[in-house]
């Protein structure tokens, strides 16, 4: 289970980093098109959509990891609202 969590986290971080890189390319593209006074719409649209899609995928993978970690810990919530961990087997 630990290996699966590590793989999920690695994937989520990679997706988030690529999303940030796409956003940086988007800003550079917007700056160049504004400085050149040209109208290049399609690359801007593609970079924006790719950046948002990668960010959404990254968040979905982070949520999967969160659910997996909560499943592993199996928190028990008492009726009074307090949280207790199950006794560790020794």
Protein backbone atom coordinates (compact mmCIF):
# COMPACT_ATOMS: atom_id res chain seq x y z
CA UNK A 1 0.00 0.00 0.00
CA UNK A 2 2.91 2.33 0.71
CA UNK A 3 4.29 1.80 -2.79
CA UNK A 4 0.89 2.66 -4.32
CA UNK A 5 0.73 5.87 -2.25
CA UNK A 6 4.25 6.81 -3.34
CA UNK A 7 3.33 6.24 -6.98
CA UNK A 8 0.16 8.32 -6.62
CA UNK A 9 2.08 11.16 -4.99
CA UNK A 10 4.77 11.04 -7.65
CA UNK A 11 2.15 11.20 -10.40
CA UNK A 12 0.28 14.04 -8.71
CA UNK A 13 3.46 16.08 -8.29
CA UNK A 14 4.52 15.47 -11.90
CA UNK A 15 1.09 16.55 -13.17
CA UNK A 16 1.16 19.68 -10.99
CA UNK A 17 4.67 20.61 -12.15
CA UNK A 18 3.80 20.13 -15.82
CA UNK A 19 0.68 22.25 -15.24
CA UNK A 20 2.82 25.06 -13.84
CA UNK A 21 5.22 24.76 -16.77
CA UNK A 22 2.28 25.00 -19.20
CA UNK A 23 1.09 28.10 -17.36
CA UNK A 24 4.55 29.64 -17.69
CA UNK A 25 4.57 28.87 -21.42
CA UNK A 26 1.13 30.43 -21.65
CA UNK A 27 2.34 33.66 -20.05
CA UNK A 28 5.40 33.75 -22.33
CA UNK A 29 3.21 33.15 -25.39
CA UNK A 30 0.81 35.90 -24.35
CA UNK A 31 3.70 38.30 -23.76
CA UNK A 32 5.30 37.55 -27.14
CA UNK A 33 2.01 37.87 -29.04
CA UNK A 34 1.27 41.17 -27.29
CA UNK A 35 4.77 42.52 -27.96
CA UNK A 36 4.62 41.43 -31.60
CA UNK A 37 1.06 42.74 -31.93
CA UNK A 38 0.01 39.46 -33.51
CA UNK A 39 -3.13 37.42 -33.04
CA UNK A 40 -2.14 33.84 -32.25
CA UNK A 41 -5.18 32.39 -30.54
CA UNK A 42 -4.85 28.64 -30.97
CA UNK A 43 -1.56 28.11 -29.05
CA UNK A 44 -2.91 30.19 -26.17
CA UNK A 45 -6.12 28.15 -26.07
CA UNK A 46 -4.23 24.84 -26.22
CA UNK A 47 -1.77 25.85 -23.48
CA UNK A 48 -4.55 27.10 -21.22
CA UNK A 49 -6.68 23.98 -21.66
CA UNK A 50 -3.67 21.68 -21.15
CA UNK A 51 -2.64 23.55 -18.02
CA UNK A 52 -6.11 23.38 -16.49
CA UNK A 53 -6.58 19.72 -17.42
CA UNK A 54 -3.24 18.77 -15.85
CA UNK A 55 -4.07 20.72 -12.71
CA UNK A 56 -7.44 18.98 -12.41
CA UNK A 57 -5.83 15.56 -12.94
CA UNK A 58 -3.22 16.37 -10.31
CA UNK A 59 -5.90 17.27 -7.78
CA UNK A 60 -7.83 14.09 -8.55
CA UNK A 61 -4.70 12.00 -7.93
CA UNK A 62 -4.04 13.87 -4.65
CA UNK A 63 -7.61 13.06 -3.57
CA UNK A 64 -7.02 9.38 -4.44
CA UNK A 65 -3.91 9.40 -2.26
CA UNK A 66 -5.81 11.08 0.56
CA UNK A 67 -8.55 8.45 0.40
CA UNK A 68 -5.97 5.67 0.32
CA UNK A 69 -4.15 7.05 3.36
CA UNK A 70 -7.40 7.45 5.30
CA UNK A 71 -8.32 3.89 4.38
CA UNK A 72 -4.93 2.70 5.63
CA UNK A 73 -5.22 4.50 8.93
CA UNK A 74 -8.92 3.67 9.39
CA UNK A 75 -9.72 6.47 11.77
CA UNK A 76 -12.47 5.67 14.19
CA UNK A 77 -14.73 8.52 15.20
CA UNK A 78 -16.42 8.06 18.56
CA UNK A 79 -20.04 9.12 19.06
CA UNK A 80 -18.89 12.13 21.09
CA UNK A 81 -16.94 13.41 18.06
CA UNK A 82 -13.44 12.54 19.26
CA UNK A 83 -11.08 10.72 16.95
CA UNK A 84 -9.16 7.68 18.07
CA UNK A 85 -6.74 5.43 16.26
CA UNK A 86 -7.23 1.69 16.45
CA UNK A 87 -4.87 -0.13 18.81
CA UNK A 88 -1.70 -1.19 17.06
CA UNK A 89 -1.10 -4.94 17.07
CA UNK A 90 2.10 -5.88 18.90
